[in-house]
Protein backbone atom coordinates (compact mmCIF):
# COMPACT_ATOMS: atom_id res chain seq x y z
CA UNK A 1 16.85 -12.22 1.59
CA UNK A 2 13.41 -13.69 2.29
CA UNK A 3 10.53 -12.89 -0.05
CA UNK A 4 7.39 -12.19 1.96
CA UNK A 5 5.05 -11.58 -1.00
CA UNK A 6 5.37 -13.29 -4.39
CA UNK A 7 2.89 -12.59 -7.19
CA UNK A 8 3.20 -14.80 -10.26
CA UNK A 9 1.34 -14.86 -13.57
CA UNK A 10 -1.53 -12.72 -12.29
CA UNK A 11 -4.40 -11.96 -14.66
CA UNK A 12 -7.47 -9.93 -13.74
CA UNK A 13 -10.53 -9.19 -15.88
CA UNK A 14 -13.49 -6.88 -15.55
CA UNK A 15 -15.95 -8.64 -17.83
CA UNK A 16 -14.30 -8.83 -21.25
CA UNK A 17 -11.63 -6.25 -20.35
CA UNK A 18 -8.30 -7.60 -19.11
CA UNK A 19 -6.85 -5.11 -16.61
CA UNK A 20 -3.81 -7.14 -15.43
CA UNK A 21 -1.66 -9.27 -17.75
CA UNK A 22 0.62 -12.02 -16.35
CA UNK A 23 2.01 -9.75 -13.66
CA UNK A 24 4.88 -10.98 -11.51
CA UNK A 25 6.16 -8.98 -8.52
CA UNK A 26 8.37 -10.01 -5.60
CA UNK A 27 8.44 -8.13 -2.29
CA UNK A 28 11.37 -8.73 0.05
CA UNK A 29 10.71 -8.84 3.79
CA UNK A 30 11.77 -5.73 5.69
CA UNK A 31 12.16 -3.60 2.56
CA UNK A 32 10.16 -0.91 0.74
CA UNK A 33 8.96 -1.88 -2.73
CA UNK A 34 7.34 0.67 -5.03
CA UNK A 35 4.91 0.01 -7.86
CA UNK A 36 4.94 2.99 -10.21
CA UNK A 37 2.31 3.71 -12.81
CA UNK A 38 0.03 6.37 -14.23
CA UNK A 39 -3.75 6.55 -13.90
CA UNK A 40 -5.24 3.53 -15.61
CA UNK A 41 -2.06 1.46 -15.35
CA UNK A 42 -3.82 -1.18 -13.25
CA UNK A 43 -2.21 -0.42 -9.90
CA UNK A 44 -5.38 -0.37 -7.81
CA UNK A 45 -6.75 -3.41 -9.65
CA UNK A 46 -3.55 -5.28 -8.80
CA UNK A 47 -3.87 -4.32 -5.13
CA UNK A 48 -7.54 -5.30 -5.05
CA UNK A 49 -6.57 -8.73 -6.35
CA UNK A 50 -3.82 -9.11 -3.77
CA UNK A 51 -6.13 -8.07 -0.93
CA UNK A 52 -9.00 -10.35 -1.99
CA UNK A 53 -11.30 -7.53 -3.06
CA UNK A 54 -11.38 -8.57 -6.74
CA UNK A 55 -10.14 -12.16 -7.18
CA UNK A 56 -7.78 -12.85 -10.08
CA UNK A 57 -8.68 -15.07 -13.02
CA UNK A 58 -5.29 -16.76 -13.08
CA UNK A 59 -1.96 -16.72 -11.28
CA UNK A 60 -0.89 -17.06 -7.66
CA UNK A 61 -0.33 -14.81 -4.65
CA UNK A 62 1.99 -16.24 -1.99
CA UNK A 63 2.18 -14.31 1.27
CA UNK A 64 4.51 -15.33 4.08
CA UNK A 65 4.74 -18.83 2.62
CA UNK A 66 0.96 -19.28 2.25
CA UNK A 67 -1.00 -19.36 -1.00
CA UNK A 68 -3.61 -16.66 -0.33
CA UNK A 69 -5.02 -16.53 -3.87
CA UNK A 70 -8.78 -16.02 -3.65
CA UNK A 71 -8.77 -15.68 0.13
CA UNK A 72 -11.28 -13.28 1.67
CA UNK A 73 -9.93 -9.90 2.74
CA UNK A 74 -10.47 -10.37 6.48
CA UNK A 75 -8.48 -13.62 6.38
CA UNK A 76 -5.62 -11.89 4.53
CA UNK A 77 -5.54 -9.07 7.11
CA UNK A 78 -5.56 -11.62 9.92
CA UNK A 79 -2.48 -13.23 8.35
CA UNK A 80 -0.60 -9.92 8.49
CA UNK A 81 -1.13 -7.89 5.31
CA UNK A 82 -3.22 -4.72 5.18
CA UNK A 83 -3.77 -1.76 2.87
CA UNK A 84 -4.16 1.98 3.34
CA UNK A 85 -6.47 2.72 0.39
CA UNK A 86 -6.25 5.45 -2.22
CA UNK A 87 -7.89 8.71 -1.23
CA UNK A 88 -7.29 8.30 2.53
CA UNK A 89 -10.77 6.81 3.02
CA UNK A 90 -11.86 7.35 6.61
CA UNK A 91 -15.13 7.27 8.56
CA UNK A 92 -15.93 10.97 8.62
CA UNK A 93 -18.79 10.79 11.11
CA UNK A 94 -16.63 9.03 13.70
CA UNK A 95 -13.89 10.43 15.92
CA UNK A 96 -10.20 10.00 15.14
CA UNK A 97 -9.83 7.43 17.91
CA UNK A 98 -12.94 5.52 16.83
CA UNK A 99 -11.42 5.29 13.34
CA UNK A 100 -8.23 3.85 14.82
CA UNK A 101 -10.07 1.33 17.00
CA UNK A 102 -11.91 -0.01 13.94
CA UNK A 103 -8.50 -0.96 12.52
CA UNK A 104 -8.03 -3.39 15.42
CA UNK A 105 -11.29 -5.27 14.89
CA UNK A 106 -9.68 -8.73 14.54
CA UNK A 107 -9.19 -10.90 17.66
CA UNK A 108 -5.37 -10.82 17.88
CA UNK A 109 -4.93 -7.02 17.55
CA UNK A 110 -7.77 -6.48 20.05
CA UNK A 111 -5.72 -8.31 22.68
CA UNK A 112 -3.12 -5.52 22.55
CA UNK A 113 -5.27 -2.63 21.46
CA UNK A 114 -3.80 -0.19 24.01
CA UNK A 115 -0.25 -0.97 22.85
CA UNK A 116 -1.18 -0.50 19.19
CA UNK A 117 -3.05 2.72 19.93
CA UNK A 118 -0.01 4.03 21.81
CA UNK A 119 2.23 3.23 18.83
CA UNK A 120 -0.15 5.02 16.46
CA UNK A 121 -0.18 8.14 18.63
CA UNK A 122 3.60 8.07 19.01
CA UNK A 123 4.04 7.85 15.24
CA UNK A 124 1.43 10.55 14.54
CA UNK A 125 1.21 12.85 17.63
CA UNK A 126 -1.31 15.02 15.82
CA UNK A 127 -3.82 12.15 16.01
CA UNK A 128 -3.57 12.07 19.81
CA UNK A 129 -4.25 15.83 19.92
CA UNK A 130 -7.34 15.35 17.75
CA UNK A 131 -8.39 11.94 19.11
CA UNK A 132 -11.88 13.12 20.16
CA UNK A 133 -12.47 15.26 17.08
CA UNK A 134 -14.70 14.08 14.25
CA UNK A 135 -12.57 12.88 11.34
CA UNK A 136 -14.57 15.00 8.90
CA UNK A 137 -12.74 18.10 10.20
CA UNK A 138 -9.25 16.77 9.40
CA UNK A 139 -7.16 18.25 6.58
CA UNK A 140 -6.14 16.12 3.62
CA UNK A 141 -2.74 15.33 5.09
CA UNK A 142 -4.23 14.51 8.49
CA UNK A 143 -6.75 12.18 6.85
CA UNK A 144 -3.93 10.36 5.09
CA UNK A 145 -2.06 9.97 8.37
CA UNK A 146 -5.19 8.62 10.02
CA UNK A 147 -5.72 6.12 7.21
CA UNK A 148 -2.15 4.84 7.55
CA UNK A 149 -2.38 4.68 11.34
CA UNK A 150 -5.68 2.82 11.14
CA UNK A 151 -4.07 0.22 8.86
CA UNK A 152 -1.26 -0.23 11.38
CA UNK A 153 -3.80 -1.04 14.10
CA UNK A 154 -4.09 -4.56 12.65
CA UNK A 155 -0.39 -5.06 13.54
CA UNK A 156 0.64 -6.02 9.99
CA UNK A 157 3.79 -7.61 8.64
CA UNK A 158 3.15 -5.90 5.29
CA UNK A 159 1.57 -2.47 4.80
CA UNK A 160 0.40 -1.55 1.30
CA UNK A 161 0.02 2.21 0.73
CA UNK A 162 -2.04 3.14 -2.31
CA UNK A 163 -1.36 6.68 -3.61
CA UNK A 164 -0.43 8.23 -0.25
CA UNK A 165 0.60 11.52 -1.88
CA UNK A 166 -2.56 11.99 -3.94
CA UNK A 167 -3.72 15.63 -3.85
CA UNK A 168 -1.36 16.68 -1.04
CA UNK A 169 1.07 19.59 -0.83
CA UNK A 170 4.77 18.70 -1.26
CA UNK A 171 5.67 19.54 2.35
CA UNK A 172 2.93 17.22 3.64
CA UNK A 173 4.02 14.47 1.25
CA UNK A 174 7.54 14.79 2.65
CA UNK A 175 6.23 14.38 6.20
CA UNK A 176 4.23 11.29 5.26
CA UNK A 177 7.20 9.68 3.52
CA UNK A 178 9.28 10.26 6.65
CA UNK A 179 6.64 8.40 8.64
CA UNK A 180 6.61 5.56 6.12
CA UNK A 181 10.38 5.25 6.57
CA UNK A 182 9.84 5.05 10.35
CA UNK A 183 7.20 2.35 9.86
CA UNK A 184 9.62 0.36 7.73
CA UNK A 185 12.44 0.80 10.23
CA UNK A 186 10.16 -0.66 12.91
CA UNK A 187 10.12 -3.93 10.96
CA UNK A 188 7.05 -3.56 8.73
CA UNK A 189 7.52 -4.37 5.05
CA UNK A 190 6.03 -1.60 2.90
CA UNK A 191 4.60 -1.63 -0.63
CA UNK A 192 4.23 1.89 -2.05
CA UNK A 193 1.92 2.37 -5.01
CA UNK A 194 2.51 5.74 -6.62
CA UNK A 195 2.39 7.81 -9.81
CA UNK A 196 5.38 10.00 -8.98
CA UNK A 197 8.61 8.49 -10.32
CA UNK A 198 11.34 10.45 -8.55
CA UNK A 199 9.96 10.17 -5.04
CA UNK A 200 9.12 6.49 -5.49
CA UNK A 201 12.67 5.64 -6.54
CA UNK A 202 14.22 7.72 -3.76
CA UNK A 203 12.17 6.13 -1.01
CA UNK A 204 12.21 2.45 -1.96
CA UNK A 205 14.61 -0.47 -2.19
CA UNK A 206 12.97 -2.11 -5.20
CA UNK A 207 10.68 -0.71 -7.91
CA UNK A 208 8.36 -1.99 -10.62
CA UNK A 209 6.78 0.02 -13.44
CA UNK A 210 3.25 -0.95 -14.45
CA UNK A 211 1.90 0.13 -17.86
CA UNK A 212 -1.56 -0.90 -19.09
CA UNK A 213 -1.60 -3.87 -16.76
CA UNK A 214 1.89 -5.11 -17.68
CA UNK A 215 5.06 -4.96 -15.59
CA UNK A 216 7.52 -3.40 -18.05
CA UNK A 217 10.49 -2.71 -15.76
CA UNK A 218 11.70 -3.81 -12.37
CA UNK A 219 14.74 -4.05 -10.13
CA UNK A 220 16.65 -2.34 -7.34
CA UNK A 221 15.56 1.29 -7.18
CA UNK A 222 19.17 2.50 -6.92
CA UNK A 223 20.01 0.69 -10.16
CA UNK A 224 17.04 1.95 -12.18
CA UNK A 225 17.95 5.28 -13.83
CA UNK A 226 15.15 7.79 -13.40
CA UNK A 227 15.12 8.58 -17.12
CA UNK A 228 14.79 4.90 -18.00
CA UNK A 229 11.85 4.58 -15.62
CA UNK A 230 10.23 7.69 -17.10
CA UNK A 231 10.73 6.34 -20.62
CA UNK A 232 8.97 3.14 -19.57
CA UNK A 233 6.27 5.11 -17.77
CA UNK A 234 5.52 7.44 -20.70
CA UNK A 235 6.98 5.75 -23.75
CA UNK A 236 5.75 2.17 -23.84
CA UNK A 237 3.29 1.63 -26.67
CA UNK A 238 3.49 -2.11 -27.37
CA UNK A 239 0.23 -2.62 -25.56
CA UNK A 240 -1.80 0.05 -27.38
């Protein structure tokens, strides 16, 4: 099985504070990998390092056979990796379709913008219905769907989803996870970054648990007992 994203020995600081400690994570192509951790575990910091938003101090990030450590974000996206950020950040004063079109700002996606837009509307029919509506009027779940669809407009090989269930009702979360499964089945590798243990294990092939910037557990999701993951999630105190 080919590894499409390999993170090794990653360290990230904010001034004197070390947020990520020698983190190593491997993402297999065509699979769903979850990174589980509570608030303050370092999940978003890790993603910001991977996406070139906050460069690491040490370690390497290999994507699709290329060393992308310290690359700029637009170059990383152009190579085929994108992120749907925490909090379903959208452009509220723009229409739904304008938000989607922004996701295809790079030259290659722009060449097939109609095809990508059609795929987005097929995946999320609600977005087609509201295509001319200002995004500010969307519900929380609809905003999350728009954020994911906008990320797909860059035609990625890897989609990173940061906290897609944050603040949403369980029935909406279920709908979004069904769409993530469809995205994965279409050939896109998915990295899920979540706080919720049970759902993360159920909807991924591989899982890692991040505690205070350290990976403390990892493996095939089906082979990681939920209680063991929860013990790691809540019970680790070596790093206090």
